[in-house]
C-alpha cells in the first residue's frame, strides 16, 4: 500500500471535513446572530418595563463609566432609571437590573442572568422574595451586607455578588447628571 493511502489521504479527508464544518458553523452563526441579538434586546426591554412599569419608554443614558455597569436607561417620562450591572458569583457572572425612582430610592431589582449553584446560590439569584430585601433602600451610598441587606443562609458568595452588582448600579445612578 502506498504512502498516499496510509498517511496523506486520511489527512486530506479530515482537513476537508473540518473546512466544510467550519463553513457550515459560520453560515449558521451569521444567520442566527441578528435574531439572537434582537431577542436579547427585546428581553431586556421587557425586563426594564417590568421593573419600572410606570415608564412610557426608555432612552439610553450615555457617558456613565462605572465598572461592571453595562447599560443605563432613563424613563422618557421621568419615572426613574434602570441600570444593568454584573458581578462575579460562585458559579459565574450574575447580571442584575436595578430600578431607581427619581428621588434616589431603589425600587426593585431583577437578576436577568446567573449560573449559580442550584439549591444554594440560585436561592439568591432566582428568588424574588430575596430581591425584596433591596426594595426601598436609598441610593445615597453603597449598601453593606449584614447592615442594609442580610446574606442568604448558605449562599454568602452569591449574596455578596448580588450586593456588588447593586452597589455598582448605585454608583452609576449617582453619576447620572440630574436636572
N, C-alpha and C. Protein backbone atom coordinates (compact mmCIF):
# COMPACT_ATOMS: atom_id res chain seq x y z
N UNK A 1 0.84 -1.18 0.00
CA UNK A 1 0.00 0.00 0.00
C UNK A 1 0.89 1.24 0.00
N UNK A 2 0.47 2.24 -0.72
CA UNK A 2 1.30 3.44 -0.87
C UNK A 2 1.14 4.38 0.33
N UNK A 3 2.09 5.29 0.41
CA UNK A 3 2.03 6.29 1.49
C UNK A 3 0.81 7.19 1.34
N UNK A 4 0.35 7.40 0.08
CA UNK A 4 -0.83 8.23 -0.14
C UNK A 4 -2.04 7.67 0.60
N UNK A 5 -2.33 6.40 0.49
CA UNK A 5 -3.49 5.79 1.13
C UNK A 5 -3.32 5.66 2.63
N UNK A 6 -2.10 5.44 3.10
CA UNK A 6 -1.87 5.24 4.53
C UNK A 6 -1.79 6.55 5.30
N UNK A 7 -1.11 7.54 4.77
CA UNK A 7 -0.81 8.74 5.54
C UNK A 7 -1.56 9.97 5.01
N UNK A 8 -1.39 10.28 3.76
CA UNK A 8 -1.86 11.55 3.23
C UNK A 8 -3.36 11.60 2.97
N UNK A 9 -3.95 10.53 2.51
CA UNK A 9 -5.38 10.53 2.21
C UNK A 9 -6.23 10.81 3.46
N UNK A 10 -5.97 10.14 4.61
CA UNK A 10 -6.75 10.47 5.82
C UNK A 10 -6.58 11.93 6.26
N UNK A 11 -5.38 12.47 6.10
CA UNK A 11 -5.15 13.87 6.48
C UNK A 11 -5.96 14.80 5.59
N UNK A 12 -5.94 14.57 4.30
CA UNK A 12 -6.70 15.40 3.36
C UNK A 12 -8.20 15.31 3.63
N UNK A 13 -8.69 14.09 3.87
CA UNK A 13 -10.12 13.91 4.15
C UNK A 13 -10.52 14.65 5.42
N UNK A 14 -9.73 14.56 6.49
CA UNK A 14 -10.04 15.27 7.75
C UNK A 14 -10.00 16.78 7.56
N UNK A 15 -9.04 17.27 6.79
CA UNK A 15 -8.97 18.71 6.54
C UNK A 15 -10.20 19.20 5.76
N UNK A 16 -10.63 18.43 4.76
CA UNK A 16 -11.82 18.81 4.00
C UNK A 16 -13.05 18.81 4.90
N UNK A 17 -13.18 17.80 5.75
CA UNK A 17 -14.31 17.74 6.69
C UNK A 17 -14.29 18.95 7.62
N UNK A 18 -13.12 19.31 8.14
CA UNK A 18 -13.01 20.47 9.04
C UNK A 18 -13.40 21.76 8.33
N UNK A 19 -12.97 21.92 7.09
CA UNK A 19 -13.30 23.14 6.33
C UNK A 19 -14.80 23.22 6.08
N UNK A 20 -15.43 22.11 5.72
CA UNK A 20 -16.87 22.10 5.46
C UNK A 20 -17.65 22.40 6.75
N UNK A 21 -17.27 21.78 7.85
CA UNK A 21 -17.96 22.01 9.13
C UNK A 21 -17.78 23.46 9.58
N UNK A 22 -16.58 24.00 9.46
CA UNK A 22 -16.33 25.39 9.84
C UNK A 22 -17.19 26.34 9.00
N UNK A 23 -17.28 26.08 7.71
CA UNK A 23 -18.13 26.91 6.85
C UNK A 23 -19.59 26.82 7.23
N UNK A 24 -20.05 25.62 7.57
CA UNK A 24 -21.45 25.45 7.98
C UNK A 24 -21.72 26.19 9.29
N UNK A 25 -20.80 26.12 10.24
CA UNK A 25 -20.97 26.84 11.51
C UNK A 25 -20.96 28.35 11.30
N UNK A 26 -20.09 28.83 10.45
CA UNK A 26 -20.03 30.27 10.16
C UNK A 26 -21.32 30.75 9.51
N UNK A 27 -21.85 29.97 8.58
CA UNK A 27 -23.11 30.34 7.92
C UNK A 27 -24.27 30.33 8.92
N UNK A 28 -24.31 29.33 9.78
CA UNK A 28 -25.35 29.26 10.81
C UNK A 28 -25.26 30.44 11.76
N UNK A 29 -24.05 30.78 12.17
CA UNK A 29 -23.86 31.91 13.07
C UNK A 29 -24.29 33.22 12.42
N UNK A 30 -23.91 33.44 11.18
CA UNK A 30 -24.29 34.69 10.52
C UNK A 30 -25.80 34.79 10.31
N UNK A 31 -26.47 33.65 10.19
CA UNK A 31 -27.92 33.66 10.01
C UNK A 31 -28.66 33.86 11.34
N UNK A 32 -28.12 33.33 12.42
CA UNK A 32 -28.83 33.39 13.71
C UNK A 32 -28.40 34.54 14.60
N UNK A 33 -27.23 35.13 14.39
CA UNK A 33 -26.74 36.20 15.28
C UNK A 33 -27.70 37.39 15.34
N UNK A 34 -28.23 37.90 14.23
CA UNK A 34 -29.16 39.02 14.33
C UNK A 34 -30.46 38.66 15.07
N UNK A 35 -30.94 37.44 14.88
CA UNK A 35 -32.16 37.00 15.55
C UNK A 35 -31.92 36.92 17.06
N UNK A 36 -30.77 36.39 17.45
CA UNK A 36 -30.43 36.27 18.87
C UNK A 36 -30.27 37.65 19.49
N UNK A 37 -29.58 38.56 18.81
CA UNK A 37 -29.40 39.92 19.32
C UNK A 37 -30.74 40.64 19.48
N UNK A 38 -31.64 40.46 18.52
CA UNK A 38 -32.96 41.09 18.60
C UNK A 38 -33.77 40.52 19.77
N UNK A 39 -33.71 39.21 19.97
CA UNK A 39 -34.43 38.58 21.08
C UNK A 39 -33.87 39.04 22.42
N UNK A 40 -32.55 39.20 22.51
CA UNK A 40 -31.94 39.67 23.76
C UNK A 40 -32.36 41.11 24.04
N UNK A 41 -32.35 41.95 23.02
CA UNK A 41 -32.76 43.34 23.20
C UNK A 41 -34.22 43.44 23.64
N UNK A 42 -35.07 42.62 23.07
CA UNK A 42 -36.49 42.61 23.46
C UNK A 42 -36.67 42.12 24.90
N UNK A 43 -35.91 41.10 25.29
CA UNK A 43 -35.98 40.59 26.67
C UNK A 43 -35.53 41.67 27.66
N UNK A 44 -34.49 42.41 27.30
CA UNK A 44 -34.02 43.49 28.17
C UNK A 44 -35.06 44.61 28.26
N UNK A 45 -35.70 44.94 27.14
CA UNK A 45 -36.74 45.98 27.15
C UNK A 45 -37.91 45.56 28.03
N UNK A 46 -38.31 44.29 27.92
CA UNK A 46 -39.41 43.79 28.75
C UNK A 46 -39.04 43.79 30.23
N UNK A 47 -37.80 43.45 30.54
CA UNK A 47 -37.36 43.46 31.94
C UNK A 47 -37.36 44.89 32.49
N UNK A 48 -36.91 45.86 31.69
CA UNK A 48 -36.96 47.26 32.14
C UNK A 48 -38.40 47.70 32.39
N UNK A 49 -39.30 47.31 31.50
CA UNK A 49 -40.71 47.67 31.66
C UNK A 49 -41.31 47.00 32.89
N UNK A 50 -40.88 45.78 33.17
CA UNK A 50 -41.36 45.08 34.37
C UNK A 50 -40.87 45.76 35.64
N UNK A 51 -39.63 46.23 35.63
CA UNK A 51 -39.07 46.87 36.81
C UNK A 51 -39.63 48.28 37.05
N UNK A 52 -39.95 48.97 35.98
CA UNK A 52 -40.45 50.34 36.08
C UNK A 52 -41.68 50.49 35.18
N UNK A 53 -42.82 49.86 35.60
CA UNK A 53 -44.00 49.81 34.73
C UNK A 53 -44.61 51.18 34.42
N UNK A 54 -44.37 52.17 35.27
CA UNK A 54 -44.95 53.49 35.02
C UNK A 54 -44.19 54.27 33.95
N UNK A 55 -43.07 53.74 33.48
CA UNK A 55 -42.32 54.40 32.41
C UNK A 55 -43.00 54.15 31.07
N UNK A 56 -43.04 55.18 30.24
CA UNK A 56 -43.66 55.01 28.93
C UNK A 56 -42.69 54.36 27.94
N UNK A 57 -41.43 54.73 28.02
CA UNK A 57 -40.38 54.15 27.18
C UNK A 57 -39.05 54.55 27.80
N UNK A 58 -37.97 53.99 27.29
CA UNK A 58 -36.66 54.25 27.86
C UNK A 58 -35.70 54.76 26.80
N UNK A 59 -34.77 55.60 27.24
CA UNK A 59 -33.70 56.09 26.38
C UNK A 59 -32.38 55.82 27.08
N UNK A 60 -31.37 55.39 26.35
CA UNK A 60 -30.07 55.14 26.98
C UNK A 60 -29.43 56.44 27.47
N UNK A 61 -28.76 56.35 28.60
CA UNK A 61 -28.01 57.48 29.14
C UNK A 61 -26.54 57.22 28.81
N UNK A 62 -25.94 58.12 28.08
CA UNK A 62 -24.55 57.97 27.64
C UNK A 62 -23.60 58.67 28.60
N UNK A 63 -22.36 58.23 28.60
CA UNK A 63 -21.31 58.91 29.35
C UNK A 63 -21.15 58.44 30.79
N UNK A 64 -21.84 57.41 31.20
CA UNK A 64 -21.70 56.89 32.57
C UNK A 64 -20.70 55.74 32.51
N UNK A 65 -19.52 55.97 33.05
CA UNK A 65 -18.46 54.96 33.03
C UNK A 65 -18.23 54.46 34.45
N UNK A 66 -18.90 53.37 34.80
CA UNK A 66 -18.74 52.74 36.10
C UNK A 66 -18.41 51.27 35.86
N UNK A 67 -17.42 50.78 36.59
CA UNK A 67 -17.00 49.39 36.44
C UNK A 67 -18.18 48.45 36.70
N UNK A 68 -18.32 47.45 35.87
CA UNK A 68 -19.35 46.41 35.95
C UNK A 68 -20.74 46.89 35.56
N UNK A 69 -20.88 48.10 35.05
CA UNK A 69 -22.18 48.60 34.60
C UNK A 69 -22.17 48.61 33.08
N UNK A 70 -23.15 47.92 32.48
CA UNK A 70 -23.18 47.83 31.02
C UNK A 70 -24.19 48.78 30.39
N UNK A 71 -25.33 49.00 31.04
CA UNK A 71 -26.38 49.85 30.45
C UNK A 71 -27.01 50.73 31.52
N UNK A 72 -27.30 51.96 31.13
CA UNK A 72 -28.05 52.88 31.98
C UNK A 72 -29.16 53.44 31.10
N UNK A 73 -30.40 53.26 31.54
CA UNK A 73 -31.56 53.76 30.79
C UNK A 73 -32.39 54.67 31.68
N UNK A 74 -32.88 55.75 31.10
CA UNK A 74 -33.78 56.67 31.79
C UNK A 74 -35.16 56.57 31.18
N UNK A 75 -36.17 56.61 32.02
CA UNK A 75 -37.54 56.62 31.52
C UNK A 75 -37.79 57.97 30.85
N UNK A 76 -38.41 57.93 29.70
CA UNK A 76 -38.67 59.17 28.95
C UNK A 76 -39.62 60.10 29.68
N UNK A 77 -40.49 59.56 30.52
CA UNK A 77 -41.45 60.41 31.24
C UNK A 77 -40.96 60.79 32.64
N UNK A 78 -39.68 60.51 32.96
CA UNK A 78 -39.12 60.90 34.25
C UNK A 78 -39.47 59.96 35.39
N UNK A 79 -39.96 58.76 35.10
CA UNK A 79 -40.36 57.82 36.16
C UNK A 79 -39.18 57.20 36.89
N UNK A 80 -37.98 57.29 36.33
CA UNK A 80 -36.82 56.74 37.01
C UNK A 80 -35.77 56.22 36.03
N UNK A 81 -34.92 55.34 36.56
CA UNK A 81 -33.81 54.80 35.80
C UNK A 81 -33.73 53.29 36.02
N UNK A 82 -33.23 52.59 35.00
CA UNK A 82 -32.95 51.16 35.13
C UNK A 82 -31.50 50.95 34.69
N UNK A 83 -30.73 50.35 35.58
CA UNK A 83 -29.30 50.17 35.36
C UNK A 83 -28.97 48.69 35.39
N UNK A 84 -28.22 48.23 34.38
CA UNK A 84 -27.79 46.84 34.29
C UNK A 84 -26.34 46.74 34.73
N UNK A 85 -26.08 45.85 35.68
CA UNK A 85 -24.72 45.66 36.19
C UNK A 85 -24.44 44.18 36.38
N UNK A 86 -23.16 43.85 36.52
CA UNK A 86 -22.75 42.46 36.69
C UNK A 86 -21.77 42.33 37.85
N UNK A 87 -21.63 41.09 38.31
CA UNK A 87 -20.64 40.78 39.33
C UNK A 87 -20.33 39.30 39.25
N UNK A 88 -19.15 38.92 39.69
CA UNK A 88 -18.72 37.53 39.67
C UNK A 88 -19.25 36.83 40.91
N UNK A 89 -20.08 35.80 40.68
CA UNK A 89 -20.61 35.00 41.78
C UNK A 89 -19.84 33.70 41.93
N UNK A 90 -20.40 32.76 42.65
CA UNK A 90 -19.75 31.48 42.88
C UNK A 90 -19.68 30.65 41.60
N UNK A 91 -20.78 30.63 40.84
CA UNK A 91 -20.85 29.79 39.65
C UNK A 91 -20.63 30.52 38.35
N UNK A 92 -20.42 31.81 38.39
CA UNK A 92 -20.24 32.58 37.16
C UNK A 92 -20.69 34.01 37.36
N UNK A 93 -20.95 34.68 36.28
CA UNK A 93 -21.35 36.09 36.33
C UNK A 93 -22.84 36.22 36.59
N UNK A 94 -23.17 37.14 37.48
CA UNK A 94 -24.57 37.47 37.79
C UNK A 94 -24.87 38.82 37.15
N UNK A 95 -25.94 38.88 36.36
CA UNK A 95 -26.38 40.12 35.73
C UNK A 95 -27.65 40.59 36.42
N UNK A 96 -27.63 41.84 36.86
CA UNK A 96 -28.74 42.39 37.65
C UNK A 96 -29.22 43.69 37.01
N UNK A 97 -30.55 43.85 36.93
CA UNK A 97 -31.15 45.13 36.55
C UNK A 97 -31.72 45.74 37.83
N UNK A 98 -31.36 47.00 38.06
CA UNK A 98 -31.83 47.73 39.24
C UNK A 98 -32.63 48.93 38.80
N UNK A 99 -33.83 49.09 39.37
CA UNK A 99 -34.69 50.23 39.04
C UNK A 99 -34.64 51.24 40.18
N UNK A 100 -34.46 52.51 39.80
CA UNK A 100 -34.39 53.60 40.77
C UNK A 100 -35.49 54.60 40.48
N UNK A 101 -36.09 55.12 41.53
CA UNK A 101 -37.06 56.20 41.38
C UNK A 101 -36.29 57.50 41.19
N UNK A 102 -36.95 58.57 40.73
CA UNK A 102 -36.24 59.84 40.53
C UNK A 102 -35.65 60.42 41.81
N UNK A 103 -36.23 60.07 42.97
CA UNK A 103 -35.72 60.62 44.23
C UNK A 103 -34.57 59.80 44.82
N UNK A 104 -34.11 58.77 44.12
CA UNK A 104 -32.94 58.03 44.57
C UNK A 104 -33.25 56.83 45.46
N UNK A 105 -34.43 56.27 45.32
CA UNK A 105 -34.79 55.07 46.06
C UNK A 105 -34.70 53.87 45.14
N UNK A 106 -34.12 52.81 45.65
CA UNK A 106 -34.04 51.56 44.89
C UNK A 106 -35.42 50.93 44.89
N UNK A 107 -36.09 50.97 43.75
CA UNK A 107 -37.47 50.49 43.66
C UNK A 107 -37.52 48.97 43.72
N UNK A 108 -36.75 48.32 42.85
CA UNK A 108 -36.66 46.87 42.86
C UNK A 108 -35.51 46.42 41.99
N UNK A 109 -35.14 45.15 42.14
CA UNK A 109 -34.07 44.58 41.33
C UNK A 109 -34.58 43.29 40.68
N UNK A 110 -33.85 42.86 39.66
CA UNK A 110 -34.18 41.61 38.99
C UNK A 110 -32.88 41.01 38.46
N UNK A 111 -32.64 39.74 38.79
CA UNK A 111 -31.49 39.04 38.23
C UNK A 111 -31.92 38.50 36.88
N UNK A 112 -31.24 38.95 35.83
CA UNK A 112 -31.62 38.54 34.48
C UNK A 112 -30.78 37.40 33.94
N UNK A 113 -29.61 37.16 34.55
CA UNK A 113 -28.76 36.06 34.09
C UNK A 113 -27.85 35.63 35.23
N UNK A 114 -27.82 34.34 35.50
CA UNK A 114 -26.94 33.80 36.54
C UNK A 114 -26.77 32.30 36.34
N UNK A 115 -25.66 31.80 36.80
CA UNK A 115 -25.41 30.36 36.73
C UNK A 115 -24.89 29.88 38.08
N UNK A 116 -25.60 30.26 39.12
CA UNK A 116 -25.19 29.88 40.47
C UNK A 116 -25.60 28.44 40.78
N UNK A 117 -25.04 27.89 41.84
CA UNK A 117 -25.28 26.52 42.23
C UNK A 117 -26.76 26.30 42.54
N UNK A 118 -27.39 25.31 41.91
CA UNK A 118 -28.80 25.03 42.21
C UNK A 118 -28.98 24.68 43.69
N UNK A 119 -29.98 25.28 44.30
CA UNK A 119 -30.30 24.98 45.68
C UNK A 119 -29.64 25.90 46.68
N UNK A 120 -28.50 26.48 46.34
CA UNK A 120 -27.84 27.41 47.25
C UNK A 120 -27.79 28.81 46.63
N UNK A 121 -26.85 29.00 45.73
CA UNK A 121 -26.70 30.30 45.08
C UNK A 121 -27.93 30.70 44.28
N UNK A 122 -28.63 29.71 43.75
CA UNK A 122 -29.84 30.03 42.98
C UNK A 122 -30.93 30.59 43.88
N UNK A 123 -30.86 30.35 45.19
CA UNK A 123 -31.82 30.95 46.11
C UNK A 123 -31.68 32.47 46.12
N UNK A 124 -30.48 32.95 45.84
CA UNK A 124 -30.24 34.39 45.78
C UNK A 124 -30.63 34.94 44.42
N UNK A 125 -30.27 34.22 43.36
CA UNK A 125 -30.44 34.76 42.02
C UNK A 125 -31.79 34.47 41.39
N UNK A 126 -32.54 33.53 41.92
CA UNK A 126 -33.81 33.14 41.29
C UNK A 126 -35.01 33.31 42.21
N UNK A 127 -34.83 33.99 43.34
CA UNK A 127 -35.90 34.11 44.31
C UNK A 127 -36.30 35.57 44.49
N UNK A 128 -37.42 35.99 43.90
CA UNK A 128 -37.86 37.37 44.06
C UNK A 128 -38.06 37.78 45.53
N UNK A 129 -38.39 36.84 46.41
CA UNK A 129 -38.56 37.21 47.82
C UNK A 129 -37.23 37.66 48.43
N UNK A 130 -36.11 37.15 47.94
CA UNK A 130 -34.80 37.64 48.41
C UNK A 130 -34.52 39.02 47.84
N UNK A 131 -34.90 39.24 46.59
CA UNK A 131 -34.67 40.54 45.94
C UNK A 131 -35.42 41.65 46.67
N UNK A 132 -36.54 41.31 47.31
CA UNK A 132 -37.34 42.31 48.02
C UNK A 132 -36.57 42.98 49.15
N UNK A 133 -35.51 42.34 49.63
CA UNK A 133 -34.70 42.93 50.70
C UNK A 133 -34.03 44.23 50.25
N UNK A 134 -33.92 44.42 48.95
CA UNK A 134 -33.27 45.62 48.40
C UNK A 134 -34.27 46.75 48.16
N UNK A 135 -35.55 46.44 48.14
CA UNK A 135 -36.57 47.44 47.83
C UNK A 135 -36.61 48.52 48.89
N UNK A 136 -36.69 49.77 48.43
CA UNK A 136 -36.83 50.90 49.33
C UNK A 136 -35.52 51.41 49.90
N UNK A 137 -34.39 50.80 49.55
CA UNK A 137 -33.10 51.26 50.06
C UNK A 137 -32.71 52.55 49.32
N UNK A 138 -32.00 53.41 50.01
CA UNK A 138 -31.57 54.67 49.43
C UNK A 138 -30.33 54.47 48.58
N UNK A 139 -30.26 55.22 47.50
CA UNK A 139 -29.09 55.17 46.62
C UNK A 139 -28.07 56.24 47.00
N UNK A 140 -28.19 56.79 48.19
CA UNK A 140 -27.27 57.85 48.60
C UNK A 140 -25.87 57.31 48.89
N UNK A 141 -25.77 56.04 49.23
CA UNK A 141 -24.46 55.43 49.49
C UNK A 141 -24.55 53.93 49.24
N UNK A 142 -23.39 53.29 49.16
CA UNK A 142 -23.33 51.85 48.91
C UNK A 142 -23.97 51.08 50.07
N UNK A 143 -24.60 49.97 49.73
CA UNK A 143 -25.23 49.12 50.75
C UNK A 143 -24.17 48.21 51.37
N UNK A 144 -24.41 47.81 52.61
CA UNK A 144 -23.47 46.95 53.34
C UNK A 144 -24.18 45.66 53.70
N UNK A 145 -23.52 44.53 53.39
CA UNK A 145 -24.08 43.22 53.72
C UNK A 145 -24.07 43.05 55.23
N UNK A 146 -25.18 42.61 55.78
CA UNK A 146 -25.31 42.42 57.22
C UNK A 146 -25.85 43.64 57.93
N UNK A 147 -25.74 44.79 57.29
CA UNK A 147 -26.27 46.02 57.88
C UNK A 147 -27.51 46.48 57.13
N UNK A 148 -27.38 46.68 55.82
CA UNK A 148 -28.51 47.11 55.00
C UNK A 148 -29.30 45.92 54.44
N UNK A 149 -28.56 44.86 54.07
CA UNK A 149 -29.16 43.67 53.47
C UNK A 149 -28.49 42.45 54.08
N UNK A 150 -29.29 41.47 54.46
CA UNK A 150 -28.73 40.24 55.03
C UNK A 150 -28.38 39.27 53.92
N UNK A 151 -27.34 38.46 54.17
CA UNK A 151 -26.95 37.42 53.22
C UNK A 151 -27.94 36.27 53.32
N UNK A 152 -28.06 35.53 52.24
CA UNK A 152 -28.90 34.34 52.25
C UNK A 152 -28.10 33.22 52.90
N UNK A 153 -28.70 32.51 53.83
CA UNK A 153 -28.02 31.43 54.56
C UNK A 153 -27.52 30.37 53.58
N UNK A 154 -26.23 30.08 53.61
CA UNK A 154 -25.64 29.06 52.75
C UNK A 154 -25.24 29.56 51.38
N UNK A 155 -25.45 30.83 51.11
CA UNK A 155 -25.11 31.38 49.79
C UNK A 155 -24.44 32.73 49.95
N UNK A 156 -23.43 32.79 50.80
CA UNK A 156 -22.77 34.05 51.10
C UNK A 156 -22.08 34.64 49.88
N UNK A 157 -21.39 33.80 49.09
CA UNK A 157 -20.67 34.31 47.92
C UNK A 157 -21.66 34.89 46.91
N UNK A 158 -22.75 34.20 46.67
CA UNK A 158 -23.77 34.70 45.75
C UNK A 158 -24.44 35.96 46.29
N UNK A 159 -24.68 36.01 47.60
CA UNK A 159 -25.26 37.21 48.21
C UNK A 159 -24.34 38.41 48.05
N UNK A 160 -23.05 38.20 48.26
CA UNK A 160 -22.08 39.29 48.10
C UNK A 160 -21.99 39.73 46.65
N UNK A 161 -22.06 38.79 45.72
CA UNK A 161 -22.01 39.13 44.29
C UNK A 161 -23.21 39.97 43.90
N UNK A 162 -24.39 39.59 44.37
CA UNK A 162 -25.60 40.36 44.08
C UNK A 162 -25.46 41.77 44.67
N UNK A 163 -24.96 41.87 45.88
CA UNK A 163 -24.77 43.17 46.52
C UNK A 163 -23.76 44.02 45.74
N UNK A 164 -22.66 43.42 45.28
CA UNK A 164 -21.68 44.17 44.49
C UNK A 164 -22.31 44.71 43.20
N UNK A 165 -23.13 43.90 42.55
CA UNK A 165 -23.79 44.35 41.32
C UNK A 165 -24.73 45.51 41.62
N UNK A 166 -25.49 45.42 42.69
CA UNK A 166 -26.42 46.50 43.06
C UNK A 166 -25.63 47.76 43.45
N UNK A 167 -24.52 47.59 44.16
CA UNK A 167 -23.70 48.75 44.54
C UNK A 167 -23.08 49.41 43.31
N UNK A 168 -22.73 48.64 42.28
CA UNK A 168 -22.25 49.23 41.03
C UNK A 168 -23.36 50.05 40.38
N UNK A 169 -24.59 49.53 40.44
CA UNK A 169 -25.74 50.27 39.89
C UNK A 169 -25.98 51.56 40.69
N UNK A 170 -25.82 51.50 42.00
CA UNK A 170 -25.98 52.70 42.84
C UNK A 170 -24.93 53.73 42.46
N UNK A 171 -23.69 53.28 42.26
CA UNK A 171 -22.62 54.20 41.85
C UNK A 171 -22.95 54.85 40.51
N UNK A 172 -23.47 54.05 39.58
CA UNK A 172 -23.85 54.60 38.27
C UNK A 172 -25.01 55.58 38.41
N UNK A 173 -25.99 55.26 39.26
CA UNK A 173 -27.13 56.16 39.47
C UNK A 173 -26.62 57.51 39.98
N UNK A 174 -25.69 57.47 40.93
CA UNK A 174 -25.16 58.70 41.49
C UNK A 174 -24.30 59.48 40.49
N UNK A 175 -23.84 58.83 39.43
CA UNK A 175 -23.03 59.51 38.41
C UNK A 175 -23.90 60.14 37.32
N UNK A 176 -25.20 59.84 37.32
CA UNK A 176 -26.10 60.43 36.31
C UNK A 176 -26.31 61.89 36.63
N UNK A 177 -26.11 62.76 35.64
CA UNK A 177 -26.38 64.19 35.90
C UNK A 177 -27.89 64.40 36.06
N UNK A 178 -28.29 64.94 37.18
CA UNK A 178 -29.71 65.20 37.46
C UNK A 178 -30.02 66.65 37.11
N UNK A 179 -31.16 66.86 36.47
CA UNK A 179 -31.51 68.25 36.12
C UNK A 179 -32.60 68.78 36.99
